[in-house]
């Protein structure tokens, strides 16, 4: 096999915490497939072909990013970023499997996990006294991470440097076999019909996270999404199948706002026309917690779909680390949860975990995306389209 001069891939990051935060969101699986592209690195993990998590490390997260695609490869794959953007890059993208658990352990070899917990201790005033120059965020200042992939079949090399100490770890890479890789499509993504979406909502991840935590107390086996554009409850989550009775969390609308045709929230500094545009984008009967709420069901019927609660529960870490979530359900019932994790001064993932959401007017300059897809449960009793209500 001919090989380009130099390594296929090499990237340097000055923030190991950012990489660790994104990859930990899909840490529910011991292994992951890795696809290196000219726009970033795509990590994909799955659970029994009914759940998939994808973390995309955009090249903007690295201070130096070099990609020299090999001249020959059997991994003829198509790049698929979390932002669903078209790409004109036709470069051959190497694809291989690695141990995700080993990668996460490598990234926190200098005690990254302890540091990330201490940076979030602002929500616990009693723990803030433990922060100092040796145990706090100061440890992150001189830390760099270099990721390299020399040639196809070689290990994925992770080099961590901190305060003059350098550690190099080589993670064995594996060729995807017929069970783990579909050469016809280039990956094993759960199919999602972006042109046939029945429901879409964008909201703060905190609201979804708190709802799942509340429903988890009943030890359910199934989680149902129930949405409607015309009937209450407009957006509700129901947990069922556990030893306790069914429980429901409803995201209600502001009735006073709906009656007066005024937005459920005010935007400081914006004029009346921009407020009306914001209201039109959300819809007149949109739940107050949502920024975007669209229901595109046939004959304006209620959309109700159920999923294994244990699988949704595995996305809690992404819900806690992100600032916003895009919820989508397509015509097949496949659920897509796309999380935006912000990094930066005062609006990063640390503040999101602590419940401090970034201001809506703040421009997102540095962010990562994690996408989850879930296959719906098949239930013969799901004929009751209007049966989803509140207590």
Protein backbone atom coordinates (compact mmCIF):
# COMPACT_ATOMS: atom_id res chain seq x y z
CA UNK A 1 0.00 0.00 0.00
CA UNK A 2 1.31 3.39 -0.97
CA UNK A 3 1.53 5.87 1.85
CA UNK A 4 1.59 9.64 1.84
CA UNK A 5 4.60 11.37 3.31
CA UNK A 6 4.20 11.90 7.04
CA UNK A 7 1.45 10.56 9.29
CA UNK A 8 -2.12 10.25 8.06
CA UNK A 9 -3.39 12.33 10.94
CA UNK A 10 -1.98 14.53 13.68
CA UNK A 11 -3.77 17.03 15.93
CA UNK A 12 -2.86 19.03 19.02
CA UNK A 13 -5.30 20.27 21.67
CA UNK A 14 -4.60 22.58 24.58
CA UNK A 15 -7.78 21.49 26.36
CA UNK A 16 -7.93 17.80 27.24
CA UNK A 17 -11.03 18.54 29.26
CA UNK A 18 -13.00 19.44 26.12
CA UNK A 19 -12.10 16.17 24.39
CA UNK A 20 -12.81 14.16 27.52
CA UNK A 21 -16.18 15.84 28.08
CA UNK A 22 -17.40 15.01 24.56
CA UNK A 23 -16.13 11.44 24.51
CA UNK A 24 -17.41 10.65 27.99
CA UNK A 25 -20.94 11.39 26.75
CA UNK A 26 -20.81 8.22 24.62
CA UNK A 27 -18.90 6.19 27.21
CA UNK A 28 -21.81 3.74 27.57
CA UNK A 29 -20.03 1.35 25.19
CA UNK A 30 -16.59 -0.23 25.77
CA UNK A 31 -15.55 0.29 22.14
CA UNK A 32 -16.14 2.85 19.41
CA UNK A 33 -15.54 3.26 15.72
CA UNK A 34 -13.30 6.17 14.75
CA UNK A 35 -13.48 7.98 11.44
CA UNK A 36 -10.85 10.61 10.64
CA UNK A 37 -11.91 13.31 8.17
CA UNK A 38 -10.65 16.67 7.01
CA UNK A 39 -13.23 18.41 9.22
CA UNK A 40 -12.72 16.49 12.45
CA UNK A 41 -12.79 13.10 14.16
CA UNK A 42 -16.02 11.14 14.44
CA UNK A 43 -16.44 8.69 17.33
CA UNK A 44 -19.44 6.37 17.18
CA UNK A 45 -20.65 3.92 19.85
CA UNK A 46 -23.72 1.72 19.85
CA UNK A 47 -25.77 -0.61 22.01
CA UNK A 48 -27.28 -3.62 20.27
CA UNK A 49 -28.15 -1.71 17.11
CA UNK A 50 -31.03 0.01 18.93
CA UNK A 51 -29.02 2.94 20.30
CA UNK A 52 -26.16 4.94 18.84
CA UNK A 53 -24.09 7.81 20.19
CA UNK A 54 -21.84 9.97 18.00
CA UNK A 55 -19.34 12.52 19.32
CA UNK A 56 -17.77 14.77 16.69
CA UNK A 57 -14.49 16.47 17.59
CA UNK A 58 -14.44 19.39 15.21
CA UNK A 59 -11.06 20.54 13.93
CA UNK A 60 -11.81 23.91 15.54
CA UNK A 61 -11.32 22.26 18.95
CA UNK A 62 -7.64 21.70 18.06
CA UNK A 63 -4.88 24.28 17.83
CA UNK A 64 -3.21 22.25 15.08
CA UNK A 65 -4.97 19.78 12.77
CA UNK A 66 -3.22 17.91 9.93
CA UNK A 67 -4.96 15.29 7.78
CA UNK A 68 -3.14 13.52 4.95
CA UNK A 69 -5.57 10.93 3.54
CA UNK A 70 -3.97 7.69 2.35
CA UNK A 71 -3.69 7.05 -1.36
CA UNK A 72 -5.43 3.69 -1.09
CA UNK A 73 -8.02 2.47 1.41
CA UNK A 74 -10.81 0.00 1.73
CA UNK A 75 -12.67 2.34 4.03
CA UNK A 76 -14.58 4.26 1.37
CA UNK A 77 -16.89 6.14 3.69
CA UNK A 78 -19.05 9.21 3.52
CA UNK A 79 -18.56 11.91 6.09
CA UNK A 80 -21.58 12.66 8.29
CA UNK A 81 -21.22 15.51 10.76
CA UNK A 82 -23.59 16.24 13.64
CA UNK A 83 -24.63 19.53 12.13
CA UNK A 84 -26.11 17.76 9.08
CA UNK A 85 -24.13 20.03 6.77
CA UNK A 86 -23.22 19.11 3.23
CA UNK A 87 -19.52 18.57 2.63
CA UNK A 88 -17.49 18.87 -0.54
CA UNK A 89 -14.53 16.93 0.80
CA UNK A 90 -14.22 13.64 -1.08
CA UNK A 91 -11.07 12.51 0.69
CA UNK A 92 -10.75 8.92 1.78
CA UNK A 93 -11.40 8.78 5.51
CA UNK A 94 -9.74 6.00 7.53
CA UNK A 95 -12.12 4.10 9.79
CA UNK A 96 -11.19 1.69 12.58
CA UNK A 97 -12.27 0.45 16.00
CA UNK A 98 -10.64 1.27 19.34
CA UNK A 99 -11.30 0.66 23.01
CA UNK A 100 -13.30 3.70 24.11
CA UNK A 101 -12.89 2.88 27.78
CA UNK A 102 -9.10 2.76 27.33
CA UNK A 103 -9.16 6.13 25.54
CA UNK A 104 -11.13 7.75 28.37
CA UNK A 105 -8.73 6.33 30.94
CA UNK A 106 -5.82 7.71 28.93
CA UNK A 107 -7.26 11.23 28.74
CA UNK A 108 -7.62 11.41 32.51
CA UNK A 109 -4.22 9.93 33.28
CA UNK A 110 -3.16 13.21 34.91
CA UNK A 111 -6.21 13.30 37.16
CA UNK A 112 -8.48 15.09 34.69
CA UNK A 113 -11.57 13.61 36.31
CA UNK A 114 -10.69 15.11 39.68
CA UNK A 115 -10.00 18.48 38.11
CA UNK A 116 -13.28 18.50 36.17
CA UNK A 117 -15.16 17.77 39.38
CA UNK A 118 -13.38 20.55 41.24
CA UNK A 119 -14.15 23.06 38.49
CA UNK A 120 -17.84 22.25 38.91
CA UNK A 121 -17.68 22.74 42.67
CA UNK A 122 -19.03 26.28 42.38
CA UNK A 123 -22.45 24.77 42.99
CA UNK A 124 -21.12 23.44 46.30
CA UNK A 125 -19.70 26.37 48.32
CA UNK A 126 -18.42 24.03 50.97
CA UNK A 127 -16.08 22.37 48.47
CA UNK A 128 -14.72 25.60 46.97
CA UNK A 129 -12.16 25.98 49.74
CA UNK A 130 -10.29 22.98 48.37
CA UNK A 131 -9.34 24.85 45.20
CA UNK A 132 -5.74 26.02 45.04
CA UNK A 133 -2.86 26.29 42.62
CA UNK A 134 -2.14 22.58 42.90
CA UNK A 135 -5.62 21.04 42.79
CA UNK A 136 -7.79 23.50 40.85
CA UNK A 137 -8.14 24.65 37.25
CA UNK A 138 -4.54 25.83 37.32
CA UNK A 139 -3.52 22.28 36.52
CA UNK A 140 -5.13 22.64 33.10
CA UNK A 141 -3.04 25.61 32.00
CA UNK A 142 0.07 23.75 30.78
CA UNK A 143 -1.59 20.58 29.56
CA UNK A 144 -1.54 19.54 25.89
CA UNK A 145 -2.78 16.46 24.08
CA UNK A 146 -1.47 15.21 20.74
CA UNK A 147 -3.40 12.57 18.78
CA UNK A 148 -1.72 10.90 15.83
CA UNK A 149 -2.38 8.05 13.42
CA UNK A 150 0.72 7.17 11.39
CA UNK A 151 -0.64 4.73 8.84
CA UNK A 152 -3.50 2.34 8.38
CA UNK A 153 -3.29 -0.47 10.88
CA UNK A 154 -1.00 1.43 13.24
CA UNK A 155 -2.04 2.29 16.81
CA UNK A 156 -3.80 5.53 17.68
CA UNK A 157 -1.16 7.42 19.64
CA UNK A 158 -2.13 9.76 22.49
CA UNK A 159 0.62 11.97 23.91
CA UNK A 160 -0.17 14.00 27.03
CA UNK A 161 2.16 16.69 28.34
CA UNK A 162 1.82 18.57 31.60
CA UNK A 163 4.39 20.63 33.51
CA UNK A 164 7.29 18.94 31.76
CA UNK A 165 5.90 15.41 32.21
CA UNK A 166 5.07 13.55 28.97
CA UNK A 167 3.11 10.32 28.74
CA UNK A 168 2.54 8.42 25.47
CA UNK A 169 -0.14 5.76 25.11
CA UNK A 170 -0.70 3.62 22.02
CA UNK A 171 -4.23 2.30 21.58
CA UNK A 172 -4.58 -0.77 19.37
CA UNK A 173 -6.81 -0.21 16.34
CA UNK A 174 -8.98 -2.92 14.78
CA UNK A 175 -10.34 -3.26 11.29
CA UNK A 176 -14.16 -3.30 11.24
CA UNK A 177 -15.42 -6.75 10.28
CA UNK A 178 -18.68 -7.62 8.55
CA UNK A 179 -20.54 -7.48 11.85
CA UNK A 180 -19.36 -4.00 12.71
CA UNK A 181 -19.13 -2.31 9.36
CA UNK A 182 -21.39 -2.07 6.32
CA UNK A 183 -19.28 -1.37 3.21
CA UNK A 184 -22.40 -0.40 1.24
CA UNK A 185 -23.18 2.63 3.40
CA UNK A 186 -19.77 3.25 4.93
CA UNK A 187 -21.03 3.00 8.51
CA UNK A 188 -23.63 1.40 10.74
CA UNK A 189 -25.64 4.49 11.55
CA UNK A 190 -29.22 4.02 12.64
CA UNK A 191 -31.18 5.48 9.68
CA UNK A 192 -32.86 8.80 10.37
CA UNK A 193 -35.17 10.46 7.84
CA UNK A 194 -34.30 14.15 8.01
CA UNK A 195 -36.83 14.95 5.27
CA UNK A 196 -39.70 13.21 7.12
CA UNK A 197 -39.62 14.67 10.63
CA UNK A 198 -42.88 14.50 12.59
CA UNK A 199 -41.69 16.37 15.66
CA UNK A 200 -38.88 18.80 16.41
CA UNK A 201 -38.14 20.84 19.51
CA UNK A 202 -35.13 22.82 20.70
CA UNK A 203 -34.83 23.54 24.40
CA UNK A 204 -32.34 23.83 27.22
CA UNK A 205 -30.92 20.45 28.07
CA UNK A 206 -31.48 21.16 31.75
CA UNK A 207 -35.25 20.80 31.33
CA UNK A 208 -34.99 17.41 29.64
CA UNK A 209 -32.39 16.23 32.15
CA UNK A 210 -34.56 17.17 35.14
CA UNK A 211 -37.59 15.45 33.60
CA UNK A 212 -35.72 12.19 33.04
CA UNK A 213 -34.32 12.27 36.59
CA UNK A 214 -37.83 12.82 37.96
CA UNK A 215 -39.28 9.91 35.97
CA UNK A 216 -36.37 7.65 36.88
CA UNK A 217 -37.59 7.50 40.48
CA UNK A 218 -40.40 5.12 39.41
CA UNK A 219 -37.95 2.58 37.89
CA UNK A 220 -39.75 2.48 34.52
CA UNK A 221 -38.96 0.31 31.51
CA UNK A 222 -40.38 2.57 28.79
CA UNK A 223 -40.35 6.31 28.07
CA UNK A 224 -43.05 7.76 25.81
CA UNK A 225 -42.98 11.08 23.96
CA UNK A 226 -46.44 12.56 23.43
CA UNK A 227 -46.74 15.78 21.40
CA UNK A 228 -49.57 17.64 19.72
CA UNK A 229 -49.93 20.95 17.93
CA UNK A 230 -53.60 21.41 18.85
CA UNK A 231 -54.42 19.54 22.08
CA UNK A 232 -53.03 19.57 25.60
CA UNK A 233 -50.70 18.18 26.72
CA UNK A 234 -48.69 19.69 23.88
CA UNK A 235 -45.45 18.09 25.03
CA UNK A 236 -45.32 15.35 27.66
CA UNK A 237 -42.97 12.57 28.74
CA UNK A 238 -44.50 9.45 30.33
CA UNK A 239 -42.70 6.64 32.13
CA UNK A 240 -44.33 3.22 32.44
CA UNK A 241 -43.65 -0.49 32.85
CA UNK A 242 -42.05 -0.35 36.28
CA UNK A 243 -43.29 -1.59 39.65
CA UNK A 244 -45.08 1.74 40.22
CA UNK A 245 -47.89 3.41 38.34
CA UNK A 246 -47.29 5.48 35.21
CA UNK A 247 -45.90 8.96 35.79
CA UNK A 248 -45.95 11.94 33.44
CA UNK A 249 -44.05 15.20 33.12
CA UNK A 250 -45.74 17.89 31.06
CA UNK A 251 -44.05 20.91 29.51
CA UNK A 252 -46.92 23.38 29.64
CA UNK A 253 -47.51 26.65 27.84
CA UNK A 254 -47.95 30.09 29.31
CA UNK A 255 -51.74 30.49 29.01
CA UNK A 256 -51.66 34.24 29.58
CA UNK A 257 -49.07 34.59 26.83
CA UNK A 258 -51.09 32.41 24.43
CA UNK A 259 -54.30 34.34 25.13
CA UNK A 260 -52.72 37.71 24.41
CA UNK A 261 -50.61 36.44 21.50
CA UNK A 262 -47.50 37.59 23.34
CA UNK A 263 -44.30 35.55 23.67
CA UNK A 264 -43.94 33.43 26.80
CA UNK A 265 -40.70 35.25 27.47
CA UNK A 266 -39.25 38.68 26.73
CA UNK A 267 -36.04 39.45 24.87
CA UNK A 268 -34.24 42.45 26.33
CA UNK A 269 -32.90 44.87 23.76
CA UNK A 270 -35.02 43.52 20.89
CA UNK A 271 -37.75 45.48 19.16
CA UNK A 272 -41.37 44.42 18.68
CA UNK A 273 -40.83 43.00 15.19
CA UNK A 274 -38.05 40.68 16.30
CA UNK A 275 -40.19 39.49 19.23
CA UNK A 276 -42.96 38.63 16.82
CA UNK A 277 -40.54 36.74 14.61
CA UNK A 278 -39.36 34.77 17.63
CA UNK A 279 -42.97 34.00 18.53
CA UNK A 280 -43.79 32.84 15.00
CA UNK A 281 -40.77 30.55 15.04
CA UNK A 282 -41.92 28.92 18.28
CA UNK A 283 -45.61 28.75 17.42
CA UNK A 284 -48.60 30.22 19.26
CA UNK A 285 -49.11 27.12 21.42
CA UNK A 286 -45.51 26.16 22.04
CA UNK A 287 -44.44 24.96 25.50
CA UNK A 288 -42.75 27.75 27.40
CA UNK A 289 -39.49 25.84 27.85
CA UNK A 290 -38.96 25.35 24.10
CA UNK A 291 -37.27 27.71 21.66
CA UNK A 292 -38.53 25.75 18.66
CA UNK A 293 -41.62 23.52 18.68
CA UNK A 294 -42.88 21.94 15.45
CA UNK A 295 -45.37 19.08 15.03
CA UNK A 296 -45.88 17.86 11.48
CA UNK A 297 -48.14 14.85 11.96
CA UNK A 298 -50.78 13.77 9.39
CA UNK A 299 -54.29 15.13 10.00
CA UNK A 300 -52.96 17.01 13.02
CA UNK A 301 -53.03 13.82 15.08
CA UNK A 302 -51.04 13.31 18.25
CA UNK A 303 -47.51 11.94 17.87
CA UNK A 304 -46.76 9.29 20.46
CA UNK A 305 -43.66 7.09 20.44
CA UNK A 306 -42.04 4.89 23.10
CA UNK A 307 -38.42 3.91 23.75
CA UNK A 308 -36.53 1.82 26.26
CA UNK A 309 -36.01 3.99 29.31
CA UNK A 310 -32.67 2.35 30.11
CA UNK A 311 -31.30 3.50 26.75
CA UNK A 312 -32.50 7.09 27.16
CA UNK A 313 -30.98 7.04 30.63
CA UNK A 314 -27.54 6.45 29.07
CA UNK A 315 -27.73 9.91 27.50
CA UNK A 316 -28.02 11.64 30.89
CA UNK A 317 -24.34 12.57 30.92
CA UNK A 318 -24.74 14.43 27.64
CA UNK A 319 -27.87 16.16 28.98
CA UNK A 320 -25.95 17.33 32.05
CA UNK A 321 -22.93 18.55 30.08
CA UNK A 322 -24.77 20.37 27.29
CA UNK A 323 -26.55 23.70 27.12
CA UNK A 324 -29.15 22.93 24.44
CA UNK A 325 -30.77 19.85 22.91
CA UNK A 326 -32.55 19.31 19.60
CA UNK A 327 -35.23 16.62 19.87
CA UNK A 328 -36.46 15.06 16.62
CA UNK A 329 -38.69 12.09 15.78
CA UNK A 330 -38.97 10.92 12.18
CA UNK A 331 -41.75 9.03 10.42
CA UNK A 332 -40.21 5.68 11.36
CA UNK A 333 -40.25 6.65 15.03
CA UNK A 334 -36.47 6.98 15.33
CA UNK A 335 -35.58 9.49 18.03
CA UNK A 336 -32.64 11.86 17.60
CA UNK A 337 -31.25 13.80 20.55
CA UNK A 338 -28.57 16.23 19.44
CA UNK A 339 -26.70 18.04 22.22
CA UNK A 340 -24.65 21.22 21.96
CA UNK A 341 -21.85 21.39 24.53
CA UNK A 342 -20.38 24.86 24.83
CA UNK A 343 -16.81 25.64 25.84
CA UNK A 344 -15.64 29.09 26.75
CA UNK A 345 -15.56 31.79 29.44
CA UNK A 346 -18.63 31.64 31.59
CA UNK A 347 -20.64 29.52 29.17
CA UNK A 348 -18.87 26.21 28.95
CA UNK A 349 -19.88 22.72 29.85
CA UNK A 350 -18.84 23.26 33.45
CA UNK A 351 -21.43 25.97 33.98
CA UNK A 352 -24.05 23.87 32.21
CA UNK A 353 -23.43 20.98 34.59
CA UNK A 354 -23.83 23.34 37.51
CA UNK A 355 -27.17 24.46 36.09
CA UNK A 356 -25.91 27.86 34.93
CA UNK A 357 -27.08 28.14 31.35
CA UNK A 358 -25.30 30.59 29.03
CA UNK A 359 -27.13 33.72 28.04
CA UNK A 360 -29.32 33.38 24.96
CA UNK A 361 -27.74 36.42 23.38
CA UNK A 362 -24.21 35.11 23.73
CA UNK A 363 -22.61 33.98 20.51
CA UNK A 364 -21.36 30.39 20.58
CA UNK A 365 -17.77 30.45 19.41
CA UNK A 366 -16.48 27.12 20.67
CA UNK A 367 -18.82 24.15 20.93
CA UNK A 368 -18.97 20.41 20.37
CA UNK A 369 -21.89 18.21 19.35
CA UNK A 370 -23.04 14.80 20.50
CA UNK A 371 -25.85 12.99 18.71
CA UNK A 372 -27.90 10.05 20.01
CA UNK A 373 -30.33 7.93 18.01
CA UNK A 374 -32.84 5.47 19.45
CA UNK A 375 -34.94 2.82 17.75
CA UNK A 376 -38.58 2.91 18.97
CA UNK A 377 -40.35 0.13 20.83
CA UNK A 378 -42.87 -1.88 18.81
CA UNK A 379 -46.09 -2.09 20.80
CA UNK A 380 -49.44 -3.31 19.50
CA UNK A 381 -51.19 -1.09 22.01
CA UNK A 382 -49.87 2.13 20.46
CA UNK A 383 -53.10 2.72 18.56
CA UNK A 384 -54.31 5.14 21.23
CA UNK A 385 -53.07 8.36 19.65
CA UNK A 386 -55.20 10.55 21.90
CA UNK A 387 -54.71 8.48 25.02
CA UNK A 388 -51.70 10.39 26.29
CA UNK A 389 -52.89 12.84 28.89
CA UNK A 390 -52.07 14.13 32.28
CA UNK A 391 -53.32 13.03 35.64
